[in-house]
Amino acid sequence: MYHADATFETPAENIACDEALLHLCESGSMDEVLRFWESSTPFVVVGYGNHVDVEVNRSACEKDGVAILRRCSGGGAVAQGPRCLNYSLVLQIDRHAELASITAANCHIMKRNAAAVSKLLGKKVSVEGYTDLALDGKKFSGNAQRRKRTHLLFHGTFLLAEFDLTLMSRYLNHPSREPDYRGTRTHDDFVASLALDSGQVKSALREEWGASKALKSIPDEPLRTLVATRYSRPEWNFKF
């Protein structure tokens, strides 16, 4: 498996890159890959089926010039910014029996990610609500999946020390759907950051997934096409 640290200048490029990697693997142009990135500026990402005005405090985003984008995978809305480490796994479905279904893939990938972080912390990390990772009942990682015929994209976030947790309460509404373990808690009471740096988390995930080959570059054309046709366009980002 390849690994890459690949953060682009704009939110649209960073979100487009995940889908571009999925397309490249699906076409046979690239092997499985683990990508890391971290935005230097705050922005908001909604899940594919989310309604922006339900999930996002749109007026606060507009006032602060915070971009709102829609990703190609499911899940809920996420606030991005410095010290929010993102990872993206693109895996070949028939290479891993555990990826045969959405539910099985969620379970398999989340258990492995939880094990990797547990080793770093020296304490148990739990998988909650299918695709959350939590420590002492507080969420520090949210994840989502997109499947195609031969490959899947599984991506998510890790909130690290010094991430500004108030971005969530400022730019996100209370979610329209929430896992039972949240118990109607506000963003401020529900989320937490890890006392880890990005290098530690990256190293642990590379080891867990056997990502030993450095990817020198990501082909530019599919990413630019997706930015132009989707992620820079209001009709995509505000379709619901």
C-alpha atoms as a PDB file:
ATOM      1  CA  MET A   1       0.000   0.000   0.000  1.00  0.00           C
ATOM      2  CA  TYR A   2       1.097   3.539  -0.790  1.00  0.00           C
ATOM      3  CA  HIS A   3       1.070   6.379   1.717  1.00  0.00           C
ATOM      4  CA  ALA A   4       1.090  10.109   1.046  1.00  0.00           C
ATOM      5  CA  ASP A   5       1.118  13.357   2.979  1.00  0.00           C
ATOM      6  CA  ALA A   6      -0.803  15.491   0.516  1.00  0.00           C
ATOM      7  CA  THR A   7      -2.401  18.722   1.703  1.00  0.00           C
ATOM      8  CA  PHE A   8      -3.517  21.131  -1.011  1.00  0.00           C
ATOM      9  CA  GLU A   9      -4.006  24.877  -0.838  1.00  0.00           C
ATOM     10  CA  THR A  10      -7.804  25.040  -0.936  1.00  0.00           C
ATOM     11  CA  PRO A  11     -10.639  23.142   0.760  1.00  0.00           C
ATOM     12  CA  ALA A  12     -12.039  22.146  -2.642  1.00  0.00           C
ATOM     13  CA  GLU A  13      -8.746  20.548  -3.698  1.00  0.00           C
ATOM     14  CA  ASN A  14      -8.440  18.649  -0.432  1.00  0.00           C
ATOM     15  CA  ILE A  15     -11.953  17.213  -0.650  1.00  0.00           C
ATOM     16  CA  ALA A  16     -11.616  16.472  -4.368  1.00  0.00           C
ATOM     17  CA  CYS A  17      -8.369  14.584  -3.832  1.00  0.00           C
ATOM     18  CA  ASP A  18     -10.097  11.789  -1.906  1.00  0.00           C
ATOM     19  CA  GLU A  19     -12.545  11.124  -4.725  1.00  0.00           C
ATOM     20  CA  ALA A  20      -9.761  11.423  -7.302  1.00  0.00           C
ATOM     21  CA  LEU A  21      -7.763   8.725  -5.491  1.00  0.00           C
ATOM     22  CA  LEU A  22     -10.827   6.475  -5.464  1.00  0.00           C
ATOM     23  CA  HIS A  23     -11.274   6.939  -9.222  1.00  0.00           C
ATOM     24  CA  LEU A  24      -7.580   6.300  -9.888  1.00  0.00           C
ATOM     25  CA  CYS A  25      -7.638   3.048  -7.918  1.00  0.00           C
ATOM     26  CA  GLU A  26     -10.926   1.995  -9.519  1.00  0.00           C
ATOM     27  CA  SER A  27      -9.446   2.528 -12.982  1.00  0.00           C
ATOM     28  CA  GLY A  28      -6.370   0.443 -12.176  1.00  0.00           C
ATOM     29  CA  SER A  29      -4.029   3.421 -12.366  1.00  0.00           C
ATOM     30  CA  MET A  30      -3.015   3.171  -8.706  1.00  0.00           C
ATOM     31  CA  ASP A  31      -2.726   0.588  -5.948  1.00  0.00           C
ATOM     32  CA  GLU A  32      -4.292   0.941  -2.500  1.00  0.00           C
ATOM     33  CA  VAL A  33      -3.349   4.172  -0.749  1.00  0.00           C
ATOM     34  CA  LEU A  34      -3.415   5.886   2.645  1.00  0.00           C
ATOM     35  CA  ARG A  35      -3.410   9.689   2.440  1.00  0.00           C
ATOM     36  CA  PHE A  36      -3.032  12.273   5.219  1.00  0.00           C
ATOM     37  CA  TRP A  37      -3.903  15.964   5.083  1.00  0.00           C
ATOM     38  CA  GLU A  38      -4.630  18.890   7.392  1.00  0.00           C
ATOM     39  CA  SER A  39      -6.207  22.214   6.425  1.00  0.00           C
ATOM     40  CA  SER A  40      -4.525  25.437   7.530  1.00  0.00           C
ATOM     41  CA  THR A  41      -7.858  27.276   7.440  1.00  0.00           C
ATOM     42  CA  PRO A  42     -11.276  26.416   8.897  1.00  0.00           C
ATOM     43  CA  PHE A  43     -14.057  25.159   6.647  1.00  0.00           C
ATOM     44  CA  VAL A  44     -17.106  22.902   6.898  1.00  0.00           C
ATOM     45  CA  VAL A  45     -17.823  19.651   5.066  1.00  0.00           C
ATOM     46  CA  VAL A  46     -21.270  18.065   4.898  1.00  0.00           C
ATOM     47  CA  GLY A  47     -22.030  14.446   4.060  1.00  0.00           C
ATOM     48  CA  TYR A  48     -23.364  13.633   0.597  1.00  0.00           C
ATOM     49  CA  GLY A  49     -27.016  13.503   1.672  1.00  0.00           C
ATOM     50  CA  ASN A  50     -26.965  16.313   4.238  1.00  0.00           C
ATOM     51  CA  HIS A  51     -29.149  19.412   3.956  1.00  0.00           C
ATOM     52  CA  VAL A  52     -26.816  22.357   4.483  1.00  0.00           C
ATOM     53  CA  ASP A  53     -29.262  24.603   6.321  1.00  0.00           C
ATOM     54  CA  VAL A  54     -30.210  21.771   8.678  1.00  0.00           C
ATOM     55  CA  GLU A  55     -26.694  20.704   9.619  1.00  0.00           C
ATOM     56  CA  VAL A  56     -24.718  23.950   9.297  1.00  0.00           C
ATOM     57  CA  ASN A  57     -24.940  27.413  10.842  1.00  0.00           C
ATOM     58  CA  ARG A  58     -24.785  28.970   7.422  1.00  0.00           C
ATOM     59  CA  SER A  59     -25.013  32.567   8.600  1.00  0.00           C
ATOM     60  CA  ALA A  60     -21.976  32.156  10.885  1.00  0.00           C
ATOM     61  CA  CYS A  61     -19.995  30.574   8.042  1.00  0.00           C
ATOM     62  CA  GLU A  62     -20.928  33.386   5.665  1.00  0.00           C
ATOM     63  CA  LYS A  63     -20.080  36.038   8.246  1.00  0.00           C
ATOM     64  CA  ASP A  64     -16.627  34.540   8.852  1.00  0.00           C
ATOM     65  CA  GLY A  65     -15.927  33.618   5.225  1.00  0.00           C
ATOM     66  CA  VAL A  66     -15.842  29.909   6.056  1.00  0.00           C
ATOM     67  CA  ALA A  67     -16.365  27.687   3.004  1.00  0.00           C
ATOM     68  CA  ILE A  68     -19.019  24.946   3.011  1.00  0.00           C
ATOM     69  CA  LEU A  69     -18.366  21.894   0.840  1.00  0.00           C
ATOM     70  CA  ARG A  70     -20.113  18.572   0.192  1.00  0.00           C
ATOM     71  CA  ARG A  71     -18.131  15.333   0.090  1.00  0.00           C
ATOM     72  CA  CYS A  72     -18.914  12.217  -1.925  1.00  0.00           C
ATOM     73  CA  SER A  73     -19.399   9.960   1.123  1.00  0.00           C
ATOM     74  CA  GLY A  74     -22.137   9.760   3.744  1.00  0.00           C
ATOM     75  CA  GLY A  75     -22.056  10.720   7.396  1.00  0.00           C
ATOM     76  CA  GLY A  76     -22.617  14.057   9.068  1.00  0.00           C
ATOM     77  CA  ALA A  77     -21.188  17.551   8.951  1.00  0.00           C
ATOM     78  CA  VAL A  78     -17.597  18.180  10.070  1.00  0.00           C
ATOM     79  CA  ALA A  79     -15.665  21.314  10.991  1.00  0.00           C
ATOM     80  CA  GLN A  80     -12.147  21.314   9.568  1.00  0.00           C
ATOM     81  CA  GLY A  81      -9.136  23.370  10.563  1.00  0.00           C
ATOM     82  CA  PRO A  82      -5.590  23.284  11.912  1.00  0.00           C
ATOM     83  CA  ARG A  83      -4.869  20.239  14.090  1.00  0.00           C
ATOM     84  CA  CYS A  84      -7.735  18.265  12.568  1.00  0.00           C
ATOM     85  CA  LEU A  85      -5.807  15.410  10.953  1.00  0.00           C
ATOM     86  CA  ASN A  86      -7.592  13.761   8.049  1.00  0.00           C
ATOM     87  CA  TYR A  87      -6.827  10.330   6.674  1.00  0.00           C
ATOM     88  CA  SER A  88      -8.167   8.632   3.543  1.00  0.00           C
ATOM     89  CA  LEU A  89      -7.957   4.904   2.841  1.00  0.00           C
ATOM     90  CA  VAL A  90      -8.691   3.521  -0.611  1.00  0.00           C
ATOM     91  CA  LEU A  91      -8.913  -0.272  -0.464  1.00  0.00           C
ATOM     92  CA  GLN A  92      -9.580  -2.987  -3.050  1.00  0.00           C
ATOM     93  CA  ILE A  93     -12.776  -4.737  -1.993  1.00  0.00           C
ATOM     94  CA  ASP A  94     -12.038  -8.257  -3.255  1.00  0.00           C
ATOM     95  CA  ARG A  95      -8.571  -8.213  -1.679  1.00  0.00           C
ATOM     96  CA  HIS A  96     -10.092  -8.188   1.818  1.00  0.00           C
ATOM     97  CA  ALA A  97     -12.978 -10.494   2.728  1.00  0.00           C
ATOM     98  CA  GLU A  98     -13.908  -8.124   5.559  1.00  0.00           C
ATOM     99  CA  LEU A  99     -14.845  -5.394   3.050  1.00  0.00           C
ATOM    100  CA  ALA A 100     -17.615  -7.334   1.304  1.00  0.00           C
ATOM    101  CA  SER A 101     -20.404  -5.131   2.700  1.00  0.00           C
ATOM    102  CA  ILE A 102     -20.798  -1.626   4.079  1.00  0.00           C
ATOM    103  CA  THR A 103     -21.401  -2.891   7.598  1.00  0.00           C
ATOM    104  CA  ALA A 104     -18.527  -5.372   7.548  1.00  0.00           C
ATOM    105  CA  ALA A 105     -16.128  -2.753   6.177  1.00  0.00           C
ATOM    106  CA  ASN A 106     -17.160  -0.248   8.862  1.00  0.00           C
ATOM    107  CA  CYS A 107     -16.551  -2.822  11.580  1.00  0.00           C
ATOM    108  CA  HIS A 108     -13.213  -4.038  10.203  1.00  0.00           C
ATOM    109  CA  ILE A 109     -11.670  -0.632   9.541  1.00  0.00           C
ATOM    110  CA  MET A 110     -12.872   0.976  12.749  1.00  0.00           C
ATOM    111  CA  LYS A 111     -11.548  -1.894  14.883  1.00  0.00           C
ATOM    112  CA  ARG A 112      -8.126  -1.586  13.273  1.00  0.00           C
ATOM    113  CA  ASN A 113      -8.002   2.182  13.669  1.00  0.00           C
ATOM    114  CA  ALA A 114      -9.113   1.873  17.294  1.00  0.00           C
ATOM    115  CA  ALA A 115      -6.383  -0.688  17.960  1.00  0.00           C
ATOM    116  CA  ALA A 116      -3.731   1.585  16.431  1.00  0.00           C
ATOM    117  CA  VAL A 117      -4.704   4.561  18.604  1.00  0.00           C
ATOM    118  CA  SER A 118      -5.131   2.405  21.715  1.00  0.00           C
ATOM    119  CA  LYS A 119      -1.486   1.346  21.411  1.00  0.00           C
ATOM    120  CA  LEU A 120      -0.392   4.980  21.318  1.00  0.00           C
ATOM    121  CA  LEU A 121      -2.472   6.014  24.305  1.00  0.00           C
ATOM    122  CA  GLY A 122      -1.997   2.906  26.401  1.00  0.00           C
ATOM    123  CA  LYS A 123      -5.727   2.818  27.084  1.00  0.00           C
ATOM    124  CA  LYS A 124      -8.839   1.468  25.412  1.00  0.00           C
ATOM    125  CA  VAL A 125     -10.386   3.367  22.532  1.00  0.00           C
ATOM    126  CA  SER A 126     -13.979   2.367  21.783  1.00  0.00           C
ATOM    127  CA  VAL A 127     -15.863   2.170  18.496  1.00  0.00           C
ATOM    128  CA  GLU A 128     -19.193   3.916  18.958  1.00  0.00           C
ATOM    129  CA  GLY A 129     -22.164   4.557  16.720  1.00  0.00           C
ATOM    130  CA  TYR A 130     -20.656   2.370  13.952  1.00  0.00           C
ATOM    131  CA  THR A 131     -18.073   4.892  12.678  1.00  0.00           C
ATOM    132  CA  ASP A 132     -16.959   7.010  15.638  1.00  0.00           C
ATOM    133  CA  LEU A 133     -13.902   6.537  17.814  1.00  0.00           C
ATOM    134  CA  ALA A 134     -14.282   7.666  21.409  1.00  0.00           C
ATOM    135  CA  LEU A 135     -12.231   7.938  24.555  1.00  0.00           C
ATOM    136  CA  ASP A 136     -14.024   7.954  27.896  1.00  0.00           C
ATOM    137  CA  GLY A 137     -17.302   8.465  26.064  1.00  0.00           C
ATOM    138  CA  LYS A 138     -16.159  11.495  24.049  1.00  0.00           C
ATOM    139  CA  LYS A 139     -15.775  11.421  20.277  1.00  0.00           C
ATOM    140  CA  PHE A 140     -12.425  12.306  18.718  1.00  0.00           C
ATOM    141  CA  SER A 141     -12.787  10.688  15.297  1.00  0.00           C
ATOM    142  CA  GLY A 142     -15.645  10.592  12.794  1.00  0.00           C
ATOM    143  CA  ASN A 143     -15.568   8.508   9.617  1.00  0.00           C
ATOM    144  CA  ALA A 144     -17.493   7.789   6.418  1.00  0.00           C
ATOM    145  CA  GLN A 145     -17.436   5.408   3.467  1.00  0.00           C
ATOM    146  CA  ARG A 146     -17.997   5.559  -0.311  1.00  0.00           C
ATOM    147  CA  ARG A 147     -18.070   2.364  -2.367  1.00  0.00           C
ATOM    148  CA  LYS A 148     -17.602   1.752  -6.067  1.00  0.00           C
ATOM    149  CA  ARG A 149     -17.442  -1.520  -7.988  1.00  0.00           C
ATOM    150  CA  THR A 150     -13.911  -2.665  -7.099  1.00  0.00           C
ATOM    151  CA  HIS A 151     -12.694  -0.195  -4.454  1.00  0.00           C
ATOM    152  CA  LEU A 152     -13.941   1.758  -1.475  1.00  0.00           C
ATOM    153  CA  LEU A 153     -12.953   5.054   0.085  1.00  0.00           C
ATOM    154  CA  PHE A 154     -12.960   5.183   3.874  1.00  0.00           C
ATOM    155  CA  HIS A 155     -11.965   8.513   5.334  1.00  0.00           C
ATOM    156  CA  GLY A 156     -12.188  10.395   8.578  1.00  0.00           C
ATOM    157  CA  THR A 157     -10.756  12.839  11.067  1.00  0.00           C
ATOM    158  CA  PHE A 158      -8.660  12.790  14.221  1.00  0.00           C
ATOM    159  CA  LEU A 159      -9.001  15.803  16.511  1.00  0.00           C
ATOM    160  CA  LEU A 160      -5.577  16.472  17.979  1.00  0.00           C
ATOM    161  CA  ALA A 161      -4.287  18.654  20.803  1.00  0.00           C
ATOM    162  CA  GLU A 162      -4.803  22.369  20.159  1.00  0.00           C
ATOM    163  CA  PHE A 163      -7.623  21.828  17.638  1.00  0.00           C
ATOM    164  CA  ASP A 164     -10.147  24.615  18.225  1.00  0.00           C
ATOM    165  CA  LEU A 165     -13.157  22.617  19.385  1.00  0.00           C
ATOM    166  CA  THR A 166     -15.313  25.769  19.435  1.00  0.00           C
ATOM    167  CA  LEU A 167     -15.391  25.649  15.615  1.00  0.00           C
ATOM    168  CA  MET A 168     -18.014  22.944  15.915  1.00  0.00           C
ATOM    169  CA  SER A 169     -20.402  24.849  18.147  1.00  0.00           C
ATOM    170  CA  ARG A 170     -19.947  27.993  16.036  1.00  0.00           C
ATOM    171  CA  TYR A 171     -20.369  26.515  12.552  1.00  0.00           C
ATOM    172  CA  LEU A 172     -22.398  23.331  13.049  1.00  0.00           C
ATOM    173  CA  ASN A 173     -25.975  22.961  14.213  1.00  0.00           C
ATOM    174  CA  HIS A 174     -26.938  20.085  16.466  1.00  0.00           C
ATOM    175  CA  PRO A 175     -26.969  17.102  14.074  1.00  0.00           C
ATOM    176  CA  SER A 176     -30.294  15.906  12.696  1.00  0.00           C
ATOM    177  CA  ARG A 177     -29.196  12.329  13.371  1.00  0.00           C
ATOM    178  CA  GLU A 178     -27.054  11.260  16.305  1.00  0.00           C
ATOM    179  CA  PRO A 179     -25.852   7.962  17.776  1.00  0.00           C
ATOM    180  CA  ASP A 180     -27.396   6.743  21.016  1.00  0.00           C
ATOM    181  CA  TYR A 181     -24.175   7.196  22.977  1.00  0.00           C
ATOM    182  CA  ARG A 182     -24.228  10.945  22.323  1.00  0.00           C
ATOM    183  CA  GLY A 183     -27.308  11.301  24.517  1.00  0.00           C
ATOM    184  CA  THR A 184     -28.246  14.743  23.076  1.00  0.00           C
ATOM    185  CA  ARG A 185     -24.977  16.260  24.341  1.00  0.00           C
ATOM    186  CA  THR A 186     -23.915  19.539  22.764  1.00  0.00           C
ATOM    187  CA  HIS A 187     -20.816  19.689  20.578  1.00  0.00           C
ATOM    188  CA  ASP A 188     -18.861  21.178  23.464  1.00  0.00           C
ATOM    189  CA  ASP A 189     -19.792  18.291  25.761  1.00  0.00           C
ATOM    190  CA  PHE A 190     -19.536  15.529  23.168  1.00  0.00           C
ATOM    191  CA  VAL A 191     -16.195  15.978  21.389  1.00  0.00           C
ATOM    192  CA  ALA A 192     -12.624  15.912  22.656  1.00  0.00           C
ATOM    193  CA  SER A 193      -9.121  16.073  21.248  1.00  0.00           C
ATOM    194  CA  LEU A 194      -6.284  13.585  21.632  1.00  0.00           C
ATOM    195  CA  ALA A 195      -3.069  14.440  23.471  1.00  0.00           C
ATOM    196  CA  LEU A 196      -1.094  13.224  20.461  1.00  0.00           C
ATOM    197  CA  ASP A 197       0.713  14.905  17.604  1.00  0.00           C
ATOM    198  CA  SER A 198       0.017  14.192  13.961  1.00  0.00           C
ATOM    199  CA  GLY A 199       3.290  12.339  13.436  1.00  0.00           C
ATOM    200  CA  GLN A 200       2.362   9.761  16.052  1.00  0.00           C
ATOM    201  CA  VAL A 201      -1.053   9.097  14.532  1.00  0.00           C
ATOM    202  CA  LYS A 202       0.286   8.920  10.986  1.00  0.00           C
ATOM    203  CA  SER A 203       2.993   6.463  11.991  1.00  0.00           C
ATOM    204  CA  ALA A 204       0.519   4.256  13.860  1.00  0.00           C
ATOM    205  CA  LEU A 205      -1.902   4.127  10.922  1.00  0.00           C
ATOM    206  CA  ARG A 206       0.846   3.470   8.375  1.00  0.00           C
ATOM    207  CA  GLU A 207       2.010   0.545  10.494  1.00  0.00           C
ATOM    208  CA  GLU A 208      -1.501  -0.797  11.053  1.00  0.00           C
ATOM    209  CA  TRP A 209      -2.343  -0.745   7.345  1.00  0.00           C
ATOM    210  CA  GLY A 210       1.065  -1.781   6.028  1.00  0.00           C
ATOM    211  CA  ALA A 211       1.439   1.413   4.024  1.00  0.00           C
ATOM    212  CA  SER A 212       5.148   1.157   3.324  1.00  0.00           C
ATOM    213  CA  LYS A 213       5.543   2.728  -0.119  1.00  0.00           C
ATOM    214  CA  ALA A 214       5.725   6.515  -0.359  1.00  0.00           C
ATOM    215  CA  LEU A 215       3.593   7.996  -3.126  1.00  0.00           C
ATOM    216  CA  LYS A 216       5.684  10.698  -4.749  1.00  0.00           C
ATOM    217  CA  SER A 217       2.832  12.583  -6.422  1.00  0.00           C
ATOM    218  CA  ILE A 218      -0.872  12.430  -7.144  1.00  0.00           C
ATOM    219  CA  PRO A 219      -1.919  12.806 -10.799  1.00  0.00           C
ATOM    220  CA  ASP A 220      -3.187  16.336 -11.253  1.00  0.00           C
ATOM    221  CA  GLU A 221      -5.835  15.979 -13.972  1.00  0.00           C
ATOM    222  CA  PRO A 222      -8.557  13.974 -12.142  1.00  0.00           C
ATOM    223  CA  LEU A 223      -8.304  16.234  -9.096  1.00  0.00           C
ATOM    224  CA  ARG A 224      -8.576  19.430 -11.146  1.00  0.00           C
ATOM    225  CA  THR A 225     -11.530  18.012 -13.087  1.00  0.00           C
ATOM    226  CA  LEU A 226     -13.406  17.237  -9.875  1.00  0.00           C
ATOM    227  CA  VAL A 227     -12.707  20.705  -8.463  1.00  0.00           C
ATOM    228  CA  ALA A 228     -14.004  22.322 -11.653  1.00  0.00           C
ATOM    229  CA  THR A 229     -17.087  20.152 -12.090  1.00  0.00           C
ATOM    230  CA  ARG A 230     -18.098  19.567  -8.470  1.00  0.00           C
ATOM    231  CA  TYR A 231     -16.321  20.967  -5.463  1.00  0.00           C
ATOM    232  CA  SER A 232     -16.078  24.590  -6.594  1.00  0.00           C
ATOM    233  CA  ARG A 233     -19.706  24.702  -7.723  1.00  0.00           C
ATOM    234  CA  PRO A 234     -22.676  25.803  -5.580  1.00  0.00           C
ATOM    235  CA  GLU A 235     -24.971  23.373  -7.391  1.00  0.00           C
ATOM    236  CA  TRP A 236     -22.903  20.536  -5.895  1.00  0.00           C
ATOM    237  CA  ASN A 237     -22.077  21.946  -2.484  1.00  0.00           C
ATOM    238  CA  PHE A 238     -25.591  23.279  -1.843  1.00  0.00           C
ATOM    239  CA  LYS A 239     -27.582  20.665  -3.765  1.00  0.00           C
ATOM    240  CA  PHE A 240     -29.623  19.859  -0.629  1.00  0.00           C
END
